[in-house]
Amino acid sequence: MAACLDMDAPASGLLTVQEYRSAIVSAHRPRGPRWHWSPRTDVARTTVMIFATEGRVALSPDLLHADEPAVGVLIHSTQQADIHWSEDARATVVWLDTDNVVDASVPEAPSPFALAGTPLNHGMLTFASSVARRAEVQTRVSSYLVERLLVEMAYGVLLERVETEPPSLQSGRPSHRARMLLLLNRADPDYGVEDLARDLHMSMRNLQRLFAREGTSPAAALRALRLELAQSLLGDTQYDALSITEIARHSGFSNTAAMRRAFQAHGAKSPAELRSR
């Protein structure tokens, strides 16, 4: 944190720090009008979302007075920028492992960019500000779920940015919005293909065609995401207190049998084998 900001924690106006496994959320009262962000290649790649919970934040002093100010800034640890604050500003900063939020379909942003006041960005700001203030003792499950929500919301923010690119830049990529919706809803057992079609304002036939172009189906994509989540929970000793039935429920499967069928269909080790390690 201090390395990228070119200042120590007190100079950044640090108020609180909360850790949720690999995700960190910090609250600040900036002590000056500017933070200087320096690129670092000698530390783990980090994606950082800097929100103004009070006042304004911008990538140039002129933009602090924009009619529609940004709610925050997204920057990677390998980049450089000056981050400008209005007087009496307060900040919430989310620090995430870049590999968790960047992949082949959502590349790393080539430069820092402002986070516009979209519903998703406002939702991320509200959620991050809330967890930054939490002082109660965390459980293993709550810590995991907060980490996953932060990562998936950040992934959604990057997807939303990619969707605003010219169509020529989006060609050849999978449907970003469909993937975002599946990721955000995979832990909900009641969320299905019909819900995805409704959220995309698309007929079932067109939705099937969209995924068929990628050699899969929406049901298979959703099942694979749930399987990935279940394997992560079963393979992590922090969640040994959860039964396999509870793992199935937290992973979005309707029951344990449905989870076992998903494991068998993908040729994966059974839930019991993963748990026994």
Protein backbone atom coordinates (compact mmCIF):
# COMPACT_ATOMS: atom_id res chain seq x y z
CA MET A 1 0.00 0.00 0.00
CA ALA A 2 2.60 2.54 1.09
CA ALA A 3 4.95 1.54 -1.76
CA CYS A 4 2.50 2.42 -4.53
CA LEU A 5 1.30 5.59 -2.83
CA ASP A 6 4.82 6.94 -2.27
CA MET A 7 3.86 7.70 1.34
CA ASP A 8 3.46 5.91 4.64
CA ALA A 9 0.08 4.99 6.13
CA PRO A 10 -0.27 8.08 8.38
CA ALA A 11 0.52 10.39 5.47
CA SER A 12 -2.26 8.78 3.44
CA GLY A 13 -4.70 9.58 6.24
CA LEU A 14 -5.28 5.90 6.99
CA LEU A 15 -8.17 5.35 9.41
CA THR A 16 -8.93 1.60 9.29
CA VAL A 17 -7.86 -1.56 7.49
CA GLN A 18 -9.97 -4.70 7.14
CA GLU A 19 -8.66 -7.91 5.59
CA TYR A 20 -10.93 -10.46 3.93
CA ARG A 21 -8.51 -13.20 2.91
CA SER A 22 -6.72 -11.83 -0.18
CA ALA A 23 -8.87 -8.68 -0.33
CA ILE A 24 -8.06 -5.57 1.72
CA VAL A 25 -10.38 -2.62 2.30
CA SER A 26 -8.97 0.57 3.84
CA ALA A 27 -10.58 3.84 4.87
CA HIS A 28 -8.72 7.17 4.62
CA ARG A 29 -9.06 10.87 5.22
CA PRO A 30 -6.55 12.23 2.66
CA ARG A 31 -4.26 14.80 4.30
CA GLY A 32 -3.44 16.65 1.11
CA PRO A 33 -4.93 17.46 -2.28
CA ARG A 34 -3.00 14.72 -4.11
CA TRP A 35 -1.85 11.12 -3.91
CA HIS A 36 0.97 10.10 -6.25
CA TRP A 37 0.67 6.50 -7.43
CA SER A 38 3.96 4.93 -8.57
CA PRO A 39 4.26 1.77 -10.68
CA ARG A 40 5.72 -1.26 -8.91
CA THR A 41 6.85 -4.50 -10.51
CA ASP A 42 8.57 -5.95 -7.45
CA VAL A 43 5.32 -6.73 -5.61
CA ALA A 44 2.31 -8.93 -6.38
CA ARG A 45 0.13 -7.41 -9.11
CA THR A 46 -2.70 -5.53 -7.47
CA THR A 47 -5.84 -3.90 -8.83
CA VAL A 48 -7.03 -0.99 -6.71
CA MET A 49 -10.37 0.81 -6.68
CA ILE A 50 -10.26 4.19 -4.93
CA PHE A 51 -13.67 5.62 -4.02
CA ALA A 52 -14.62 9.04 -2.69
CA THR A 53 -17.10 8.34 0.10
CA GLU A 54 -17.18 12.08 0.82
CA GLY A 55 -16.01 14.91 -1.41
CA ARG A 56 -14.60 14.19 -4.86
CA VAL A 57 -11.75 12.27 -6.47
CA ALA A 58 -10.36 12.62 -10.02
CA LEU A 59 -7.33 11.90 -12.18
CA SER A 60 -6.79 15.62 -12.84
CA PRO A 61 -7.57 18.70 -10.74
CA ASP A 62 -9.85 20.11 -13.46
CA LEU A 63 -12.12 17.06 -13.30
CA LEU A 64 -12.80 17.67 -9.60
CA HIS A 65 -15.25 20.34 -10.76
CA ALA A 66 -16.98 18.28 -13.46
CA ASP A 67 -20.77 18.43 -13.65
CA GLU A 68 -20.93 14.64 -13.33
CA PRO A 69 -17.96 13.73 -11.12
CA ALA A 70 -16.55 10.23 -10.96
CA VAL A 71 -17.28 8.14 -7.89
CA GLY A 72 -13.80 6.67 -7.96
CA VAL A 73 -10.69 5.62 -9.85
CA LEU A 74 -9.41 2.19 -10.88
CA ILE A 75 -5.67 1.69 -11.16
CA HIS A 76 -3.25 -1.25 -11.33
CA SER A 77 -0.01 -1.53 -9.38
CA THR A 78 1.99 -1.43 -12.63
CA GLN A 79 0.65 2.02 -13.61
CA GLN A 80 1.32 5.62 -12.65
CA ALA A 81 -1.06 8.49 -11.92
CA ASP A 82 -1.79 11.45 -9.71
CA ILE A 83 -5.04 11.10 -7.77
CA HIS A 84 -6.57 14.41 -6.78
CA TRP A 85 -8.90 15.04 -3.84
CA SER A 86 -11.30 17.82 -3.03
CA GLU A 87 -11.08 19.46 0.38
CA ASP A 88 -12.39 17.39 3.31
CA ALA A 89 -12.63 14.25 1.17
CA ARG A 90 -12.85 10.75 2.61
CA ALA A 91 -11.85 7.60 0.77
CA THR A 92 -12.51 3.88 0.74
CA VAL A 93 -9.88 1.83 -1.11
CA VAL A 94 -10.27 -1.79 -2.25
CA TRP A 95 -7.04 -3.75 -2.89
CA LEU A 96 -7.41 -6.96 -4.94
CA ASP A 97 -5.13 -9.55 -6.52
CA THR A 98 -5.11 -8.63 -10.22
CA ASP A 99 -5.18 -12.28 -11.28
CA ASN A 100 -8.56 -12.63 -9.57
CA VAL A 101 -10.22 -9.88 -11.61
CA VAL A 102 -8.38 -9.97 -14.95
CA ASP A 103 -8.51 -12.80 -17.47
CA ALA A 104 -8.52 -13.42 -21.22
CA SER A 105 -11.98 -11.92 -21.73
CA VAL A 106 -11.36 -8.92 -19.45
CA PRO A 107 -7.83 -7.65 -20.02
CA GLU A 108 -5.98 -5.37 -17.65
CA ALA A 109 -7.00 -1.76 -18.29
CA PRO A 110 -4.15 -0.09 -20.23
CA SER A 111 -4.25 3.02 -18.04
CA PRO A 112 -6.00 4.26 -14.89
CA PHE A 113 -9.60 5.27 -15.52
CA ALA A 114 -12.41 7.07 -13.71
CA LEU A 115 -15.36 5.11 -12.36
CA ALA A 116 -18.53 6.77 -13.57
CA GLY A 117 -21.64 6.97 -11.42
CA THR A 118 -23.24 3.76 -12.72
CA PRO A 119 -25.44 1.58 -10.47
CA LEU A 120 -22.69 -1.05 -10.33
CA ASN A 121 -20.01 1.45 -9.29
CA HIS A 122 -22.31 3.02 -6.69
CA GLY A 123 -23.09 -0.48 -5.39
CA MET A 124 -19.38 -1.30 -5.11
CA LEU A 125 -18.75 1.99 -3.29
CA THR A 126 -21.57 1.36 -0.81
CA PHE A 127 -20.54 -2.24 -0.12
CA ALA A 128 -16.83 -1.44 0.23
CA SER A 129 -17.54 1.48 2.56
CA SER A 130 -19.70 -0.77 4.71
CA VAL A 131 -17.12 -3.55 5.10
CA ALA A 132 -14.36 -0.97 5.76
CA ARG A 133 -16.23 0.08 8.90
CA ARG A 134 -16.96 -3.42 10.22
CA ALA A 135 -15.30 -4.06 13.56
CA GLU A 136 -16.91 -7.36 14.61
CA VAL A 137 -15.03 -10.66 14.58
CA GLN A 138 -15.14 -12.32 11.16
CA THR A 139 -15.99 -15.96 10.60
CA ARG A 140 -14.27 -18.04 7.95
CA VAL A 141 -17.42 -18.12 5.86
CA SER A 142 -18.15 -14.40 6.12
CA SER A 143 -14.53 -13.54 5.24
CA TYR A 144 -14.68 -15.79 2.18
CA LEU A 145 -18.02 -14.41 1.02
CA VAL A 146 -16.92 -10.77 1.39
CA GLU A 147 -13.74 -11.53 -0.58
CA ARG A 148 -15.73 -13.20 -3.35
CA LEU A 149 -18.26 -10.37 -3.53
CA LEU A 150 -15.50 -7.75 -3.77
CA VAL A 151 -13.68 -9.73 -6.48
CA GLU A 152 -16.82 -10.41 -8.51
CA MET A 153 -18.06 -6.84 -8.24
CA ALA A 154 -14.65 -5.59 -9.40
CA TYR A 155 -14.79 -8.08 -12.26
CA GLY A 156 -18.20 -6.67 -13.12
CA VAL A 157 -16.82 -3.12 -13.09
CA LEU A 158 -14.12 -4.14 -15.59
CA LEU A 159 -16.68 -5.94 -17.73
CA GLU A 160 -18.88 -2.86 -17.72
CA ARG A 161 -15.94 -0.78 -18.95
CA VAL A 162 -15.16 -3.27 -21.72
CA GLU A 163 -18.79 -3.13 -22.89
CA THR A 164 -18.39 0.58 -23.60
CA GLU A 165 -15.52 -0.05 -26.02
CA PRO A 166 -16.16 0.20 -29.77
CA PRO A 167 -17.65 -3.01 -31.23
CA SER A 168 -14.43 -3.61 -33.20
CA LEU A 169 -12.56 -4.10 -29.91
CA GLN A 170 -15.24 -6.38 -28.49
CA SER A 171 -15.40 -8.79 -31.43
CA GLY A 172 -14.19 -12.28 -30.68
CA ARG A 173 -14.79 -11.98 -26.93
CA PRO A 174 -17.50 -13.91 -25.08
CA SER A 175 -20.60 -12.12 -23.89
CA HIS A 176 -19.27 -9.99 -21.04
CA ARG A 177 -22.62 -9.15 -19.50
CA ALA A 178 -23.76 -12.79 -19.57
CA ARG A 179 -20.59 -13.91 -17.80
CA MET A 180 -20.88 -11.14 -15.23
CA LEU A 181 -24.47 -12.11 -14.43
CA LEU A 182 -23.57 -15.77 -14.09
CA LEU A 183 -20.67 -14.95 -11.79
CA LEU A 184 -22.74 -12.65 -9.61
CA ASN A 185 -25.59 -15.16 -9.29
CA ARG A 186 -23.86 -18.53 -9.26
CA ALA A 187 -24.25 -18.95 -5.48
CA ASP A 188 -28.04 -18.51 -5.74
CA PRO A 189 -29.68 -21.94 -6.23
CA ASP A 190 -32.83 -20.25 -7.56
CA TYR A 191 -30.99 -18.49 -10.39
CA GLY A 192 -31.25 -20.32 -13.69
CA VAL A 193 -31.04 -19.97 -17.45
CA GLU A 194 -34.50 -18.39 -17.66
CA ASP A 195 -33.40 -15.70 -15.21
CA LEU A 196 -30.28 -15.03 -17.28
CA ALA A 197 -32.35 -14.63 -20.45
CA ARG A 198 -34.68 -12.24 -18.63
CA ASP A 199 -31.80 -10.16 -17.26
CA LEU A 200 -30.24 -9.94 -20.73
CA HIS A 201 -33.63 -9.07 -22.33
CA MET A 202 -33.03 -11.97 -24.69
CA SER A 203 -35.12 -14.91 -25.87
CA MET A 204 -34.08 -18.39 -24.76
CA ARG A 205 -33.31 -19.30 -28.38
CA ASN A 206 -30.95 -16.35 -28.84
CA LEU A 207 -29.32 -17.03 -25.47
CA GLN A 208 -28.64 -20.63 -26.49
CA ARG A 209 -27.19 -19.42 -29.81
CA LEU A 210 -24.94 -16.94 -27.98
CA PHE A 211 -23.34 -19.71 -25.92
CA ALA A 212 -23.36 -22.21 -28.79
CA ARG A 213 -20.98 -19.92 -30.68
CA GLU A 214 -18.53 -20.57 -27.83
CA GLY A 215 -19.14 -24.33 -27.88
CA THR A 216 -21.18 -24.49 -24.70
CA SER A 217 -24.61 -23.74 -23.26
CA PRO A 218 -25.77 -21.29 -20.56
CA ALA A 219 -26.70 -24.17 -18.26
CA ALA A 220 -23.26 -25.76 -18.67
CA ALA A 221 -21.51 -22.43 -18.07
CA LEU A 222 -23.49 -21.84 -14.87
CA ARG A 223 -22.86 -25.37 -13.67
CA ALA A 224 -19.12 -25.00 -14.31
CA LEU A 225 -18.99 -21.78 -12.27
CA ARG A 226 -20.82 -23.46 -9.39
CA LEU A 227 -18.49 -26.44 -9.61
CA GLU A 228 -15.48 -24.11 -9.45
CA LEU A 229 -16.89 -22.45 -6.32
CA ALA A 230 -17.63 -25.81 -4.66
CA GLN A 231 -14.12 -27.10 -5.39
CA SER A 232 -12.64 -23.93 -3.92
CA LEU A 233 -14.64 -24.33 -0.70
CA LEU A 234 -13.99 -28.07 -0.39
CA GLY A 235 -10.27 -27.65 -0.99
CA ASP A 236 -9.81 -24.92 1.60
CA THR A 237 -9.17 -26.13 5.15
CA GLN A 238 -10.77 -22.94 6.50
CA TYR A 239 -14.16 -24.38 5.53
CA ASP A 240 -13.78 -27.87 6.95
CA ALA A 241 -16.44 -26.90 9.51
CA LEU A 242 -19.03 -26.81 6.71
CA SER A 243 -20.74 -30.06 5.79
CA ILE A 244 -20.87 -31.19 2.17
CA THR A 245 -24.58 -30.33 2.17
CA GLU A 246 -23.75 -26.79 3.31
CA ILE A 247 -21.02 -26.53 0.66
CA ALA A 248 -23.58 -27.49 -2.00
CA ARG A 249 -25.97 -24.80 -0.80
CA HIS A 250 -23.29 -22.09 -0.62
CA SER A 251 -22.15 -23.03 -4.14
CA GLY A 252 -25.59 -22.58 -5.71
CA PHE A 253 -26.54 -26.25 -6.16
CA SER A 254 -30.13 -27.20 -5.35
CA ASN A 255 -28.96 -30.21 -3.32
CA THR A 256 -25.98 -32.46 -2.68
CA ALA A 257 -26.97 -34.90 -5.44
CA ALA A 258 -26.91 -32.10 -8.03
CA MET A 259 -23.42 -31.12 -6.89
CA ARG A 260 -22.19 -34.73 -7.12
CA ARG A 261 -23.60 -35.04 -10.65
CA ALA A 262 -21.75 -31.88 -11.67
CA PHE A 263 -18.49 -33.32 -10.31
CA GLN A 264 -19.07 -36.59 -12.19
CA ALA A 265 -19.94 -34.82 -15.46
CA HIS A 266 -16.64 -32.91 -15.36
CA GLY A 267 -14.58 -35.96 -14.39
CA ALA A 268 -13.55 -34.28 -11.15
CA LYS A 269 -12.80 -35.91 -7.83
CA SER A 270 -15.90 -36.42 -5.75
CA PRO A 271 -16.77 -33.91 -3.01
CA ALA A 272 -15.90 -36.52 -0.37
CA GLU A 273 -12.48 -37.16 -1.97
CA LEU A 274 -11.70 -33.44 -2.08
CA ARG A 275 -12.76 -33.05 1.53
CA SER A 276 -10.64 -35.98 2.70
CA ARG A 277 -7.59 -34.73 0.71
